[in-house]
N, C-alpha and C. Protein backbone atom coordinates (compact mmCIF):
# COMPACT_ATOMS: atom_id res chain seq x y z
N MET A 1 17.07 -31.47 23.99
CA MET A 1 18.11 -32.40 23.59
C MET A 1 18.33 -32.20 22.10
N ILE A 2 19.52 -31.98 21.68
CA ILE A 2 19.86 -31.80 20.28
C ILE A 2 20.58 -33.04 19.81
N LEU A 3 20.08 -33.59 18.71
CA LEU A 3 20.71 -34.79 18.16
C LEU A 3 21.75 -34.37 17.15
N SER A 4 22.86 -35.04 17.15
CA SER A 4 23.93 -34.71 16.21
C SER A 4 24.67 -35.98 15.84
N GLN A 5 25.30 -35.94 14.68
CA GLN A 5 26.04 -37.12 14.25
C GLN A 5 27.53 -36.87 14.51
N HIS A 6 28.18 -37.80 15.14
CA HIS A 6 29.60 -37.67 15.46
C HIS A 6 30.24 -39.04 15.32
N ASN A 7 31.18 -39.17 14.42
CA ASN A 7 31.86 -40.46 14.17
C ASN A 7 30.84 -41.56 13.89
N HIS A 8 29.84 -41.24 13.07
CA HIS A 8 28.81 -42.20 12.67
C HIS A 8 27.97 -42.72 13.82
N ALA A 9 27.95 -42.03 14.93
CA ALA A 9 27.10 -42.45 16.05
C ALA A 9 26.23 -41.25 16.43
N ILE A 10 25.01 -41.51 16.86
CA ILE A 10 24.13 -40.43 17.28
C ILE A 10 24.49 -40.06 18.70
N GLY A 11 24.55 -38.71 18.98
CA GLY A 11 24.93 -38.27 20.32
C GLY A 11 24.21 -37.01 20.72
N VAL A 12 24.41 -36.56 21.92
CA VAL A 12 23.84 -35.34 22.47
C VAL A 12 24.96 -34.35 22.66
N ILE A 13 24.75 -33.07 22.23
CA ILE A 13 25.78 -32.04 22.41
C ILE A 13 25.78 -31.64 23.87
N LEU A 14 26.94 -31.68 24.48
CA LEU A 14 27.06 -31.22 25.87
C LEU A 14 27.61 -29.81 25.86
N THR A 15 28.92 -29.65 25.75
CA THR A 15 29.55 -28.34 25.67
C THR A 15 30.78 -28.46 24.81
N ASP A 16 31.10 -27.39 24.11
CA ASP A 16 32.33 -27.30 23.32
C ASP A 16 32.58 -28.56 22.49
N ASN A 17 31.61 -28.95 21.70
CA ASN A 17 31.74 -30.09 20.78
C ASN A 17 32.04 -31.41 21.48
N GLN A 18 31.66 -31.55 22.73
CA GLN A 18 31.80 -32.84 23.41
C GLN A 18 30.47 -33.58 23.27
N TYR A 19 30.50 -34.83 22.92
CA TYR A 19 29.29 -35.61 22.69
C TYR A 19 29.22 -36.75 23.68
N LYS A 20 27.99 -37.02 24.08
CA LYS A 20 27.73 -38.18 24.92
C LYS A 20 26.86 -39.11 24.10
N PRO A 21 27.28 -40.31 23.87
CA PRO A 21 26.48 -41.22 23.07
C PRO A 21 25.11 -41.46 23.71
N ILE A 22 24.07 -41.51 22.87
CA ILE A 22 22.72 -41.82 23.35
C ILE A 22 22.65 -43.33 23.48
N ASP A 23 21.93 -43.79 24.49
CA ASP A 23 21.89 -45.24 24.68
C ASP A 23 21.22 -45.91 23.48
N ASN A 24 21.52 -47.14 23.32
CA ASN A 24 21.06 -47.89 22.15
C ASN A 24 19.55 -48.02 22.08
N VAL A 25 18.84 -47.93 23.22
CA VAL A 25 17.38 -48.07 23.23
C VAL A 25 16.76 -46.89 22.46
N LEU A 26 17.24 -45.69 22.73
CA LEU A 26 16.71 -44.50 22.06
C LEU A 26 17.07 -44.53 20.58
N THR A 27 18.27 -44.93 20.25
CA THR A 27 18.69 -45.03 18.85
C THR A 27 17.80 -46.01 18.10
N LYS A 28 17.52 -47.15 18.71
CA LYS A 28 16.67 -48.15 18.08
C LYS A 28 15.23 -47.63 17.92
N GLN A 29 14.75 -46.89 18.91
CA GLN A 29 13.39 -46.35 18.84
C GLN A 29 13.26 -45.34 17.70
N ILE A 30 14.25 -44.46 17.56
CA ILE A 30 14.24 -43.48 16.47
C ILE A 30 14.29 -44.19 15.13
N LYS A 31 15.17 -45.19 15.01
CA LYS A 31 15.30 -45.93 13.76
C LYS A 31 13.99 -46.66 13.43
N ASN A 32 13.35 -47.24 14.44
CA ASN A 32 12.08 -47.93 14.21
C ASN A 32 10.99 -46.95 13.75
N ASP A 33 10.93 -45.78 14.37
CA ASP A 33 9.94 -44.77 13.97
C ASP A 33 10.16 -44.34 12.52
N LEU A 34 11.41 -44.11 12.15
CA LEU A 34 11.72 -43.73 10.78
C LEU A 34 11.34 -44.84 9.80
N ASP A 35 11.67 -46.05 10.13
CA ASP A 35 11.34 -47.18 9.26
C ASP A 35 9.82 -47.32 9.11
N LEU A 36 9.10 -47.15 10.22
CA LEU A 36 7.65 -47.26 10.18
C LEU A 36 7.04 -46.18 9.26
N ASN A 37 7.55 -44.94 9.39
CA ASN A 37 7.06 -43.85 8.53
C ASN A 37 7.41 -44.09 7.06
N LEU A 38 8.60 -44.61 6.81
CA LEU A 38 8.99 -44.90 5.44
C LEU A 38 8.11 -46.00 4.85
N GLU A 39 7.71 -46.94 5.65
CA GLU A 39 6.80 -48.00 5.18
C GLU A 39 5.43 -47.41 4.85
N LYS A 40 4.98 -46.45 5.66
CA LYS A 40 3.68 -45.83 5.41
C LYS A 40 3.68 -45.11 4.06
N PHE A 41 4.81 -44.50 3.70
CA PHE A 41 4.89 -43.77 2.44
C PHE A 41 4.83 -44.71 1.23
N LYS A 42 5.02 -45.99 1.43
CA LYS A 42 4.90 -46.95 0.34
C LYS A 42 3.44 -47.30 0.07
N ASP A 43 2.56 -47.00 1.03
CA ASP A 43 1.13 -47.29 0.89
C ASP A 43 0.49 -46.23 -0.01
N PRO A 44 -0.14 -46.65 -1.12
CA PRO A 44 -0.73 -45.68 -2.06
C PRO A 44 -1.86 -44.86 -1.44
N ILE A 45 -2.56 -45.38 -0.48
CA ILE A 45 -3.65 -44.65 0.17
C ILE A 45 -3.08 -43.46 0.96
N VAL A 46 -1.98 -43.68 1.65
CA VAL A 46 -1.33 -42.60 2.41
C VAL A 46 -0.84 -41.52 1.44
N LEU A 47 -0.22 -41.96 0.36
CA LEU A 47 0.26 -40.99 -0.62
C LEU A 47 -0.91 -40.22 -1.25
N ALA A 48 -2.00 -40.92 -1.54
CA ALA A 48 -3.16 -40.27 -2.13
C ALA A 48 -3.75 -39.24 -1.16
N GLU A 49 -3.81 -39.57 0.11
CA GLU A 49 -4.31 -38.64 1.13
C GLU A 49 -3.42 -37.39 1.20
N MET A 50 -2.12 -37.59 1.15
CA MET A 50 -1.19 -36.45 1.18
C MET A 50 -1.38 -35.56 -0.05
N VAL A 51 -1.50 -36.16 -1.22
CA VAL A 51 -1.69 -35.39 -2.44
C VAL A 51 -3.02 -34.64 -2.39
N TYR A 52 -4.07 -35.30 -1.89
CA TYR A 52 -5.38 -34.67 -1.78
C TYR A 52 -5.30 -33.44 -0.87
N ARG A 53 -4.65 -33.57 0.26
CA ARG A 53 -4.53 -32.43 1.19
C ARG A 53 -3.69 -31.30 0.60
N LEU A 54 -2.65 -31.67 -0.15
CA LEU A 54 -1.85 -30.65 -0.83
C LEU A 54 -2.70 -29.89 -1.85
N LEU A 55 -3.54 -30.61 -2.59
CA LEU A 55 -4.41 -29.97 -3.57
C LEU A 55 -5.42 -29.03 -2.90
N GLU A 56 -5.99 -29.48 -1.79
CA GLU A 56 -6.92 -28.63 -1.04
C GLU A 56 -6.23 -27.35 -0.58
N GLU A 57 -5.04 -27.49 -0.07
CA GLU A 57 -4.29 -26.33 0.41
C GLU A 57 -3.96 -25.39 -0.74
N ARG A 58 -3.62 -25.97 -1.89
CA ARG A 58 -3.31 -25.15 -3.06
C ARG A 58 -4.54 -24.39 -3.52
N GLU A 59 -5.72 -25.04 -3.50
CA GLU A 59 -6.96 -24.36 -3.88
C GLU A 59 -7.25 -23.21 -2.93
N ASN A 60 -7.05 -23.44 -1.63
CA ASN A 60 -7.27 -22.36 -0.66
C ASN A 60 -6.32 -21.20 -0.92
N THR A 61 -5.07 -21.51 -1.19
CA THR A 61 -4.09 -20.47 -1.48
C THR A 61 -4.47 -19.71 -2.74
N ASN A 62 -4.92 -20.42 -3.77
CA ASN A 62 -5.34 -19.77 -5.01
C ASN A 62 -6.53 -18.85 -4.79
N ARG A 63 -7.49 -19.27 -3.93
CA ARG A 63 -8.63 -18.42 -3.61
C ARG A 63 -8.18 -17.13 -2.93
N ILE A 64 -7.27 -17.27 -1.99
CA ILE A 64 -6.75 -16.09 -1.28
C ILE A 64 -6.03 -15.17 -2.26
N LEU A 65 -5.20 -15.74 -3.12
CA LEU A 65 -4.47 -14.93 -4.10
C LEU A 65 -5.44 -14.23 -5.06
N LYS A 66 -6.50 -14.92 -5.47
CA LYS A 66 -7.47 -14.32 -6.38
C LYS A 66 -8.14 -13.12 -5.71
N THR A 67 -8.50 -13.26 -4.44
CA THR A 67 -9.12 -12.16 -3.71
C THR A 67 -8.15 -10.98 -3.60
N LEU A 68 -6.90 -11.27 -3.28
CA LEU A 68 -5.89 -10.21 -3.17
C LEU A 68 -5.70 -9.50 -4.51
N LEU A 69 -5.64 -10.27 -5.58
CA LEU A 69 -5.46 -9.67 -6.91
C LEU A 69 -6.64 -8.77 -7.27
N GLN A 70 -7.86 -9.20 -6.93
CA GLN A 70 -9.03 -8.37 -7.20
C GLN A 70 -8.95 -7.05 -6.44
N LYS A 71 -8.52 -7.13 -5.19
CA LYS A 71 -8.40 -5.91 -4.38
C LYS A 71 -7.32 -4.99 -4.95
N ILE A 72 -6.21 -5.56 -5.36
CA ILE A 72 -5.13 -4.77 -5.96
C ILE A 72 -5.61 -4.11 -7.24
N GLU A 73 -6.34 -4.86 -8.08
CA GLU A 73 -6.86 -4.29 -9.32
C GLU A 73 -7.84 -3.15 -9.05
N THR A 74 -8.65 -3.28 -7.99
CA THR A 74 -9.57 -2.21 -7.62
C THR A 74 -8.81 -0.96 -7.23
N ILE A 75 -7.77 -1.14 -6.44
CA ILE A 75 -6.95 0.00 -6.01
C ILE A 75 -6.25 0.63 -7.21
N GLU A 76 -5.70 -0.20 -8.09
CA GLU A 76 -5.03 0.32 -9.29
C GLU A 76 -6.01 1.08 -10.17
N ALA A 77 -7.23 0.58 -10.27
CA ALA A 77 -8.23 1.25 -11.11
C ALA A 77 -8.52 2.66 -10.60
N ARG A 78 -8.51 2.82 -9.28
CA ARG A 78 -8.73 4.15 -8.72
C ARG A 78 -7.64 5.12 -9.16
N TYR A 79 -6.40 4.63 -9.20
CA TYR A 79 -5.28 5.50 -9.54
C TYR A 79 -5.09 5.65 -11.05
N ASP A 80 -5.63 4.72 -11.83
CA ASP A 80 -5.50 4.79 -13.28
C ASP A 80 -6.52 5.74 -13.91
N GLN A 81 -7.56 6.09 -13.16
CA GLN A 81 -8.55 6.99 -13.71
C GLN A 81 -7.93 8.37 -13.89
N PRO A 82 -8.25 9.02 -15.00
CA PRO A 82 -7.68 10.36 -15.21
C PRO A 82 -8.22 11.33 -14.17
N MET A 83 -7.40 12.28 -13.85
CA MET A 83 -7.82 13.31 -12.92
C MET A 83 -8.97 14.08 -13.55
N PRO A 84 -9.90 14.57 -12.74
CA PRO A 84 -11.01 15.33 -13.31
C PRO A 84 -10.48 16.54 -14.07
N VAL A 85 -10.99 16.72 -15.25
CA VAL A 85 -10.53 17.82 -16.09
C VAL A 85 -11.33 19.06 -15.72
N HIS A 86 -10.61 20.18 -15.61
CA HIS A 86 -11.29 21.44 -15.33
C HIS A 86 -12.16 21.80 -16.52
N GLN A 87 -13.26 22.43 -16.22
CA GLN A 87 -14.12 22.81 -17.33
C GLN A 87 -13.36 23.76 -18.24
N GLU A 88 -13.68 23.69 -19.50
CA GLU A 88 -12.95 24.51 -20.46
C GLU A 88 -13.16 25.98 -20.17
N GLU A 89 -12.09 26.72 -20.44
CA GLU A 89 -12.17 28.16 -20.26
C GLU A 89 -13.06 28.73 -21.36
N ILE A 90 -13.92 29.61 -20.95
CA ILE A 90 -14.77 30.31 -21.92
C ILE A 90 -14.33 31.76 -21.92
N LYS A 91 -13.94 32.25 -23.09
CA LYS A 91 -13.44 33.62 -23.19
C LYS A 91 -14.48 34.48 -23.91
N THR A 92 -14.53 35.71 -23.46
CA THR A 92 -15.41 36.67 -24.12
C THR A 92 -14.68 37.23 -25.34
N GLU A 93 -15.38 38.07 -26.10
CA GLU A 93 -14.76 38.66 -27.28
C GLU A 93 -13.57 39.53 -26.91
N SER A 94 -13.62 40.14 -25.73
CA SER A 94 -12.51 41.00 -25.31
C SER A 94 -11.34 40.19 -24.76
N GLY A 95 -11.47 38.86 -24.69
CA GLY A 95 -10.38 38.00 -24.23
C GLY A 95 -10.44 37.67 -22.75
N ASP A 96 -11.45 38.21 -22.04
CA ASP A 96 -11.60 37.90 -20.62
C ASP A 96 -12.12 36.47 -20.46
N ILE A 97 -11.67 35.83 -19.40
CA ILE A 97 -12.11 34.46 -19.13
C ILE A 97 -13.32 34.52 -18.20
N LEU A 98 -14.36 33.82 -18.58
CA LEU A 98 -15.54 33.74 -17.73
C LEU A 98 -15.30 32.69 -16.66
N LEU A 99 -15.60 33.05 -15.42
CA LEU A 99 -15.37 32.16 -14.29
C LEU A 99 -16.66 31.98 -13.51
N PRO A 100 -16.75 30.90 -12.72
CA PRO A 100 -17.87 30.78 -11.79
C PRO A 100 -17.88 31.97 -10.83
N GLU A 101 -19.04 32.25 -10.29
CA GLU A 101 -19.19 33.42 -9.42
C GLU A 101 -18.23 33.39 -8.23
N VAL A 102 -18.06 32.22 -7.64
CA VAL A 102 -17.16 32.11 -6.48
C VAL A 102 -15.73 32.46 -6.88
N ASP A 103 -15.28 31.96 -8.04
CA ASP A 103 -13.92 32.28 -8.50
C ASP A 103 -13.78 33.77 -8.78
N GLU A 104 -14.83 34.38 -9.33
CA GLU A 104 -14.80 35.84 -9.56
C GLU A 104 -14.64 36.57 -8.24
N GLN A 105 -15.37 36.13 -7.22
CA GLN A 105 -15.29 36.78 -5.91
C GLN A 105 -13.90 36.59 -5.30
N ILE A 106 -13.32 35.39 -5.47
CA ILE A 106 -11.97 35.14 -4.96
C ILE A 106 -10.98 36.05 -5.67
N MET A 107 -11.11 36.18 -6.98
CA MET A 107 -10.21 37.05 -7.75
C MET A 107 -10.32 38.50 -7.26
N GLN A 108 -11.56 38.98 -7.04
CA GLN A 108 -11.77 40.34 -6.55
C GLN A 108 -11.11 40.51 -5.18
N PHE A 109 -11.30 39.52 -4.30
CA PHE A 109 -10.73 39.57 -2.95
C PHE A 109 -9.20 39.67 -3.02
N ILE A 110 -8.57 38.89 -3.89
CA ILE A 110 -7.11 38.90 -3.99
C ILE A 110 -6.63 40.21 -4.64
N LYS A 111 -7.38 40.74 -5.61
CA LYS A 111 -6.99 42.02 -6.22
C LYS A 111 -7.04 43.14 -5.20
N ILE A 112 -8.04 43.12 -4.35
CA ILE A 112 -8.17 44.18 -3.34
C ILE A 112 -7.09 44.06 -2.28
N SER A 113 -6.85 42.82 -1.79
CA SER A 113 -5.87 42.62 -0.71
C SER A 113 -4.44 42.47 -1.23
N GLN A 114 -4.26 42.32 -2.54
CA GLN A 114 -2.96 42.19 -3.20
C GLN A 114 -2.25 40.86 -2.94
N LYS A 115 -2.66 40.12 -1.93
CA LYS A 115 -2.12 38.78 -1.67
C LYS A 115 -3.07 38.07 -0.72
N ALA A 116 -3.08 36.75 -0.80
CA ALA A 116 -3.93 35.97 0.10
C ALA A 116 -3.39 34.55 0.18
N THR A 117 -3.68 33.91 1.30
CA THR A 117 -3.34 32.50 1.48
C THR A 117 -4.64 31.70 1.39
N ALA A 118 -4.51 30.40 1.32
CA ALA A 118 -5.70 29.54 1.31
C ALA A 118 -6.50 29.73 2.60
N GLU A 119 -5.83 29.97 3.68
CA GLU A 119 -6.51 30.20 4.96
C GLU A 119 -7.32 31.49 4.91
N ASP A 120 -6.77 32.54 4.28
CA ASP A 120 -7.51 33.80 4.13
C ASP A 120 -8.78 33.57 3.32
N VAL A 121 -8.66 32.84 2.21
CA VAL A 121 -9.81 32.57 1.36
C VAL A 121 -10.82 31.68 2.10
N ARG A 122 -10.32 30.71 2.85
CA ARG A 122 -11.21 29.84 3.62
C ARG A 122 -12.03 30.66 4.60
N ALA A 123 -11.39 31.56 5.32
CA ALA A 123 -12.08 32.37 6.31
C ALA A 123 -13.08 33.33 5.65
N LYS A 124 -12.67 33.96 4.57
CA LYS A 124 -13.51 34.95 3.90
C LYS A 124 -14.76 34.31 3.28
N PHE A 125 -14.60 33.14 2.68
CA PHE A 125 -15.71 32.52 1.95
C PHE A 125 -16.33 31.34 2.71
N ASN A 126 -16.01 31.20 3.98
CA ASN A 126 -16.64 30.22 4.87
C ASN A 126 -16.50 28.77 4.41
N TYR A 127 -15.32 28.42 3.89
CA TYR A 127 -15.07 27.01 3.57
C TYR A 127 -14.81 26.26 4.87
N LYS A 128 -15.18 24.99 4.91
CA LYS A 128 -14.96 24.19 6.13
C LYS A 128 -13.48 23.93 6.36
N GLY A 129 -12.72 23.69 5.27
CA GLY A 129 -11.29 23.41 5.40
C GLY A 129 -10.50 24.16 4.35
N LYS A 130 -9.18 24.12 4.53
CA LYS A 130 -8.31 24.83 3.58
C LYS A 130 -8.21 24.12 2.24
N ASN A 131 -8.50 22.84 2.19
CA ASN A 131 -8.32 22.08 0.95
C ASN A 131 -9.17 22.64 -0.20
N ALA A 132 -10.42 22.95 0.07
CA ALA A 132 -11.29 23.47 -0.99
C ALA A 132 -10.78 24.82 -1.47
N ALA A 133 -10.41 25.68 -0.54
CA ALA A 133 -9.89 27.00 -0.92
C ALA A 133 -8.59 26.85 -1.69
N SER A 134 -7.73 25.97 -1.24
CA SER A 134 -6.45 25.75 -1.91
C SER A 134 -6.66 25.20 -3.32
N ALA A 135 -7.62 24.30 -3.49
CA ALA A 135 -7.90 23.73 -4.81
C ALA A 135 -8.38 24.82 -5.77
N ARG A 136 -9.26 25.70 -5.30
CA ARG A 136 -9.73 26.79 -6.16
C ARG A 136 -8.59 27.72 -6.53
N LEU A 137 -7.76 28.06 -5.55
CA LEU A 137 -6.64 28.97 -5.83
C LEU A 137 -5.65 28.34 -6.81
N ASN A 138 -5.36 27.07 -6.64
CA ASN A 138 -4.43 26.39 -7.55
C ASN A 138 -5.02 26.30 -8.96
N ARG A 139 -6.32 26.10 -9.05
CA ARG A 139 -6.97 26.08 -10.37
C ARG A 139 -6.83 27.43 -11.05
N LEU A 140 -7.00 28.50 -10.30
CA LEU A 140 -6.84 29.84 -10.87
C LEU A 140 -5.40 30.09 -11.29
N CYS A 141 -4.45 29.50 -10.55
CA CYS A 141 -3.04 29.59 -10.94
C CYS A 141 -2.79 28.83 -12.24
N ASP A 142 -3.40 27.65 -12.35
CA ASP A 142 -3.24 26.85 -13.57
C ASP A 142 -3.79 27.59 -14.79
N MET A 143 -4.77 28.44 -14.59
CA MET A 143 -5.36 29.21 -15.67
C MET A 143 -4.58 30.50 -15.93
N ASN A 144 -3.48 30.68 -15.18
CA ASN A 144 -2.63 31.88 -15.28
C ASN A 144 -3.36 33.16 -14.89
N LEU A 145 -4.34 33.04 -13.99
CA LEU A 145 -5.04 34.22 -13.48
C LEU A 145 -4.42 34.69 -12.18
N LEU A 146 -3.73 33.79 -11.50
CA LEU A 146 -3.01 34.11 -10.26
C LEU A 146 -1.61 33.55 -10.37
N LYS A 147 -0.71 34.08 -9.56
CA LYS A 147 0.60 33.46 -9.40
C LYS A 147 0.77 33.21 -7.91
N LYS A 148 1.65 32.27 -7.61
CA LYS A 148 1.82 31.93 -6.20
C LYS A 148 3.29 31.87 -5.84
N ALA A 149 3.55 32.09 -4.56
CA ALA A 149 4.92 32.02 -4.04
C ALA A 149 4.86 31.50 -2.62
N GLN A 150 5.80 30.61 -2.31
CA GLN A 150 5.85 30.06 -0.96
C GLN A 150 6.82 30.88 -0.14
N VAL A 151 6.36 31.31 1.04
CA VAL A 151 7.18 32.05 1.98
C VAL A 151 7.09 31.30 3.30
N GLY A 152 8.18 30.62 3.66
CA GLY A 152 8.14 29.78 4.86
C GLY A 152 7.17 28.64 4.63
N LYS A 153 6.23 28.49 5.56
CA LYS A 153 5.25 27.41 5.43
C LYS A 153 4.00 27.86 4.68
N LYS A 154 3.87 29.16 4.43
CA LYS A 154 2.66 29.67 3.79
C LYS A 154 2.87 29.84 2.29
N VAL A 155 1.78 29.66 1.56
CA VAL A 155 1.77 29.90 0.11
C VAL A 155 0.87 31.10 -0.13
N TYR A 156 1.44 32.12 -0.74
CA TYR A 156 0.69 33.33 -1.04
C TYR A 156 0.30 33.34 -2.52
N PHE A 157 -0.89 33.83 -2.79
CA PHE A 157 -1.41 33.96 -4.15
C PHE A 157 -1.54 35.45 -4.46
N PHE A 158 -1.07 35.82 -5.64
CA PHE A 158 -1.05 37.21 -6.08
C PHE A 158 -1.79 37.34 -7.40
N PRO A 159 -2.37 38.53 -7.67
CA PRO A 159 -2.97 38.74 -8.98
C PRO A 159 -1.87 38.86 -10.05
N THR A 160 -2.17 38.44 -11.27
CA THR A 160 -1.16 38.55 -12.33
C THR A 160 -1.20 39.92 -12.97
């Protein structure tokens, strides 16, 4: 039943804006309930109870927000940390760059084969996944010891 006001009388919507007046007993009951509730709001104890419950709810909300903010700050801290810096290049007197043994072996492998993908390096050096091989190859590219080119879905690494 939907209550609506029409010509200052309470009614029920039937169809196409036609209203049927609600009998006076129901109108009086609704008015009495409203009056009773309005009288309760004049009682300071009722108002105090409502304010107390609102404060409790606000404290709970603040606790939840504080927890969420802490989690967000933790996540942000992970992303705000600087990326790990590659160890500094150490050059010999002749200008050659000293590399870890694995990187030297990767460089030799690429020089011999003239090109390689991360998958080739993974298979040759028994890495569990392509990510480690790809990271090493990209590091060598960053040091300008290799160059890379994408062909289709594969990325090939070449000696410089």
